[in-house]
Amino acid sequence: MSTVPKPHAVGKIKAGDVTQRVGVEAMEARGVNVGELVEKLIDAAGAEFTTYYYYTIRRMYLAGHEDYKEICEDARLEDRAHFELITPRIYELGGTLPYDIRSFADRAGCPDAYLPGSQNGRRPMSNPFDLVTNVTAAQVLEVLLEAERCAIRTWSEICDLTVAKDPRTYDLAARILNEEIEHEAWFIELLSKERDGVSRPSGHFRRGTPGEGPYSKNAGFYNP
């Protein structure tokens, strides 16, 4: 039997130690500030989670524009998939989501995508049927567009922090970024036509199923 030592069999972390992670050690050796990265991932996850919530409301207010509704639904479900995709990585790095959902929403890395006419979410609701009645499709699309732009900036930053240093986080962030870039293009196309009467094609094709998430949902992983 060979007695030649295997180069990767041992390292700084002692055998059986469950208080440290070799995956984190390898990232830190390449210059990643893992604590800072975890905080940014939590903020990004918070933005995806709250965007999913706000898009649920916005989709309802695209009445009479069933094509817009369908595209908004794709973006809505894919943002939920982004939250589901990145959350396990936070725990793999030793972090955790906030235990209170209000704290989680407050630290989201992007502004709240409030429905126009809701007074930034503070509209007093005297009853459950206090519906905003004067919002236009263009107003909804404007907010959707800016939400996607914030997401692009967020995931681009995470890609920059992890490229060639943390392949796993980079892969997840890049997959999410691919879809956010598509979403921006969709809403530019729709808003340009709806508000300005100008055609700016996005190259959009209908997803095979709503919220298909061709980049963020990998058939080899369970990601509802």
Protein backbone atom coordinates (compact mmCIF):
# COMPACT_ATOMS: atom_id res chain seq x y z
CA MET A 1 0.00 0.00 0.00
CA SER A 2 1.31 3.45 -0.89
CA THR A 3 2.50 5.64 1.98
CA VAL A 4 2.95 8.75 -0.15
CA PRO A 5 1.01 11.60 1.51
CA LYS A 6 -1.92 12.94 -0.48
CA PRO A 7 -1.55 16.69 -1.02
CA HIS A 8 -5.15 17.61 -0.18
CA ALA A 9 -5.88 15.06 2.53
CA VAL A 10 -5.13 17.46 5.39
CA GLY A 11 -5.05 21.19 5.94
CA LYS A 12 -5.30 23.85 8.63
CA ILE A 13 -8.64 22.54 9.89
CA LYS A 14 -8.22 19.50 12.08
CA ALA A 15 -9.95 16.25 11.15
CA GLY A 16 -13.42 16.04 12.67
CA ASP A 17 -13.68 19.78 13.42
CA VAL A 18 -17.22 20.90 12.61
CA THR A 19 -16.77 24.50 13.77
CA GLN A 20 -14.91 25.55 10.61
CA ARG A 21 -15.36 25.03 6.87
CA VAL A 22 -12.67 24.20 4.35
CA GLY A 23 -14.83 25.81 1.67
CA VAL A 24 -14.67 29.10 3.57
CA GLU A 25 -10.95 28.68 4.29
CA ALA A 26 -10.24 28.26 0.56
CA MET A 27 -12.20 31.43 -0.25
CA GLU A 28 -10.42 33.47 2.41
CA ALA A 29 -7.07 32.27 1.11
CA ARG A 30 -8.05 33.77 -2.24
CA GLY A 31 -8.91 37.12 -0.69
CA VAL A 32 -12.67 36.87 -0.15
CA ASN A 33 -14.05 38.64 2.92
CA VAL A 34 -16.60 35.94 3.71
CA GLY A 35 -18.39 37.94 6.41
CA GLU A 36 -18.93 40.84 4.01
CA LEU A 37 -20.06 38.47 1.28
CA VAL A 38 -22.62 36.80 3.53
CA GLU A 39 -24.08 40.20 4.47
CA LYS A 40 -24.41 41.13 0.79
CA LEU A 41 -26.04 37.78 0.00
CA ILE A 42 -28.60 38.29 2.78
CA ASP A 43 -29.39 41.77 1.45
CA ALA A 44 -29.72 40.35 -2.07
CA ALA A 45 -31.94 37.50 -0.90
CA GLY A 46 -34.12 40.03 0.91
CA ALA A 47 -34.50 42.04 -2.29
CA GLU A 48 -35.53 38.96 -4.28
CA PHE A 49 -38.03 37.91 -1.60
CA THR A 50 -39.68 41.33 -1.30
CA THR A 51 -39.70 41.79 -5.08
CA TYR A 52 -41.62 38.52 -5.38
CA TYR A 53 -44.20 39.95 -2.96
CA TYR A 54 -44.50 43.32 -4.69
CA TYR A 55 -44.66 41.74 -8.14
CA THR A 56 -47.63 39.70 -6.92
CA ILE A 57 -49.49 42.96 -6.33
CA ARG A 58 -48.28 44.62 -9.52
CA ARG A 59 -49.35 41.73 -11.69
CA MET A 60 -52.92 42.23 -10.42
CA TYR A 61 -52.88 45.82 -11.64
CA LEU A 62 -52.00 45.02 -15.24
CA ALA A 63 -55.68 44.38 -15.93
CA GLY A 64 -56.50 44.44 -19.62
CA HIS A 65 -52.90 43.69 -20.58
CA GLU A 66 -52.78 39.92 -20.38
CA ASP A 67 -49.51 39.80 -22.32
CA TYR A 68 -47.92 42.13 -19.76
CA LYS A 69 -49.36 40.05 -16.95
CA GLU A 70 -47.79 36.91 -18.35
CA ILE A 71 -44.33 38.48 -18.60
CA CYS A 72 -44.64 39.99 -15.13
CA GLU A 73 -45.57 36.54 -13.84
CA ASP A 74 -42.41 35.06 -15.35
CA ALA A 75 -40.29 37.71 -13.63
CA ARG A 76 -42.21 37.30 -10.37
CA LEU A 77 -41.73 33.53 -10.17
CA GLU A 78 -38.12 33.72 -11.30
CA ASP A 79 -37.34 36.24 -8.55
CA ARG A 80 -38.72 33.73 -6.06
CA ALA A 81 -36.47 31.11 -7.65
CA HIS A 82 -33.52 33.47 -7.13
CA PHE A 83 -34.32 33.67 -3.43
CA GLU A 84 -34.55 29.89 -3.25
CA LEU A 85 -31.31 29.46 -5.19
CA ILE A 86 -29.11 31.77 -3.12
CA THR A 87 -30.48 31.02 0.38
CA PRO A 88 -28.69 27.66 0.84
CA ARG A 89 -25.41 29.36 -0.04
CA ILE A 90 -25.82 31.74 2.89
CA TYR A 91 -26.00 28.75 5.24
CA GLU A 92 -23.13 26.94 3.53
CA LEU A 93 -20.98 29.96 4.35
CA GLY A 94 -22.01 29.83 8.01
CA GLY A 95 -24.60 32.60 7.86
CA THR A 96 -28.34 32.70 8.47
CA LEU A 97 -31.38 34.62 7.31
CA PRO A 98 -32.81 37.05 9.88
CA TYR A 99 -35.26 35.33 12.21
CA ASP A 100 -37.80 38.14 11.87
CA ILE A 101 -39.32 38.76 8.45
CA ARG A 102 -39.64 42.49 9.15
CA SER A 103 -35.90 42.72 9.74
CA PHE A 104 -35.35 40.74 6.57
CA ALA A 105 -37.51 43.06 4.48
CA ASP A 106 -35.91 46.16 6.00
CA ARG A 107 -32.42 45.10 4.97
CA ALA A 108 -33.33 44.20 1.38
CA GLY A 109 -30.69 45.60 -0.93
CA CYS A 110 -33.18 47.30 -3.28
CA PRO A 111 -35.99 49.81 -2.67
CA ASP A 112 -39.52 48.54 -2.12
CA ALA A 113 -41.34 48.24 -5.45
CA TYR A 114 -44.50 49.94 -4.21
CA LEU A 115 -47.62 50.11 -6.34
CA PRO A 116 -48.16 53.66 -7.67
CA GLY A 117 -51.07 55.27 -5.86
CA SER A 118 -50.44 53.31 -2.65
CA GLN A 119 -48.59 56.23 -1.03
CA ASN A 120 -45.41 54.17 -0.81
CA GLY A 121 -47.31 51.36 0.87
CA ARG A 122 -48.80 53.64 3.53
CA ARG A 123 -52.22 54.12 1.96
CA PRO A 124 -54.74 53.67 4.81
CA MET A 125 -56.89 50.63 4.17
CA SER A 126 -60.32 51.20 5.69
CA ASN A 127 -61.43 47.83 4.41
CA PRO A 128 -60.00 44.86 2.44
CA PHE A 129 -61.47 46.27 -0.76
CA ASP A 130 -59.57 49.57 -0.73
CA LEU A 131 -58.22 49.09 -4.24
CA VAL A 132 -56.05 51.57 -6.09
CA THR A 133 -58.14 52.42 -9.16
CA ASN A 134 -56.16 54.99 -11.15
CA VAL A 135 -52.81 53.25 -11.76
CA THR A 136 -51.73 52.85 -15.38
CA ALA A 137 -49.83 50.01 -17.01
CA ALA A 138 -46.98 52.40 -17.83
CA GLN A 139 -46.64 53.35 -14.15
CA VAL A 140 -46.46 49.70 -13.16
CA LEU A 141 -43.90 48.94 -15.85
CA GLU A 142 -41.71 51.86 -14.77
CA VAL A 143 -41.38 50.44 -11.27
CA LEU A 144 -40.80 46.92 -12.58
CA LEU A 145 -38.00 48.21 -14.80
CA GLU A 146 -36.18 50.01 -12.00
CA ALA A 147 -36.50 46.97 -9.71
CA GLU A 148 -34.75 44.85 -12.33
CA ARG A 149 -32.00 47.43 -12.75
CA CYS A 150 -31.29 47.39 -9.04
CA ALA A 151 -31.09 43.59 -9.18
CA ILE A 152 -28.59 43.75 -12.05
CA ARG A 153 -26.37 46.10 -10.05
CA THR A 154 -26.65 43.85 -7.00
CA TRP A 155 -25.71 40.58 -8.70
CA SER A 156 -23.02 42.24 -10.81
CA GLU A 157 -21.33 43.36 -7.59
CA ILE A 158 -21.49 39.85 -6.14
CA CYS A 159 -20.06 38.40 -9.35
CA ASP A 160 -17.20 40.91 -9.15
CA LEU A 161 -16.48 39.95 -5.53
CA THR A 162 -16.37 36.23 -6.24
CA VAL A 163 -15.01 35.76 -9.76
CA ALA A 164 -11.98 33.41 -9.75
CA LYS A 165 -12.16 33.30 -5.94
CA ASP A 166 -15.44 31.60 -5.04
CA PRO A 167 -16.65 29.53 -8.01
CA ARG A 168 -19.84 28.32 -6.31
CA THR A 169 -21.22 31.72 -5.32
CA TYR A 170 -20.10 33.17 -8.64
CA ASP A 171 -21.97 30.46 -10.54
CA LEU A 172 -25.19 31.06 -8.61
CA ALA A 173 -24.94 34.85 -8.89
CA ALA A 174 -24.16 34.69 -12.62
CA ARG A 175 -27.19 32.48 -13.26
CA ILE A 176 -29.42 34.95 -11.43
CA LEU A 177 -27.80 37.89 -13.23
CA ASN A 178 -28.54 36.30 -16.61
CA GLU A 179 -32.25 36.30 -15.85
CA GLU A 180 -32.29 39.79 -14.35
CA ILE A 181 -30.71 41.13 -17.55
CA GLU A 182 -33.45 39.42 -19.54
CA HIS A 183 -36.12 40.92 -17.27
CA GLU A 184 -34.76 44.43 -17.79
CA ALA A 185 -34.90 43.97 -21.56
CA TRP A 186 -38.49 42.72 -21.36
CA PHE A 187 -39.67 45.74 -19.40
CA ILE A 188 -37.76 48.19 -21.61
CA GLU A 189 -39.61 46.73 -24.60
CA LEU A 190 -43.03 46.89 -22.93
CA LEU A 191 -42.58 50.34 -21.38
CA SER A 192 -41.18 51.85 -24.57
CA LYS A 193 -44.23 50.73 -26.52
CA GLU A 194 -46.82 51.41 -23.82
CA ARG A 195 -45.57 54.83 -22.72
CA ASP A 196 -43.61 56.19 -25.69
CA GLY A 197 -45.03 54.35 -28.69
CA VAL A 198 -41.51 53.28 -29.64
CA SER A 199 -40.42 49.74 -30.53
CA ARG A 200 -37.32 48.54 -28.68
CA PRO A 201 -37.37 44.74 -29.13
CA SER A 202 -35.98 42.64 -26.31
CA GLY A 203 -35.72 39.37 -28.17
CA HIS A 204 -38.27 37.98 -25.69
CA PHE A 205 -39.81 34.60 -26.36
CA ARG A 206 -42.49 33.04 -24.21
CA ARG A 207 -41.16 30.83 -21.43
CA GLY A 208 -42.06 27.17 -21.80
CA THR A 209 -43.90 27.35 -18.46
CA PRO A 210 -44.54 30.37 -16.21
CA GLY A 211 -41.43 31.23 -14.20
CA GLU A 212 -39.38 28.58 -15.97
CA GLY A 213 -36.12 30.19 -14.88
CA PRO A 214 -33.85 28.68 -17.56
CA TYR A 215 -30.70 29.80 -15.72
CA SER A 216 -31.69 29.75 -12.05
CA LYS A 217 -33.64 26.50 -12.14
CA ASN A 218 -31.39 23.57 -12.88
CA ALA A 219 -33.10 20.27 -13.61
CA GLY A 220 -30.50 18.53 -11.47
CA PHE A 221 -31.55 20.42 -8.34
CA TYR A 222 -34.79 20.62 -6.37
CA ASN A 223 -35.78 24.27 -6.62
CA PRO A 224 -39.55 24.77 -6.63
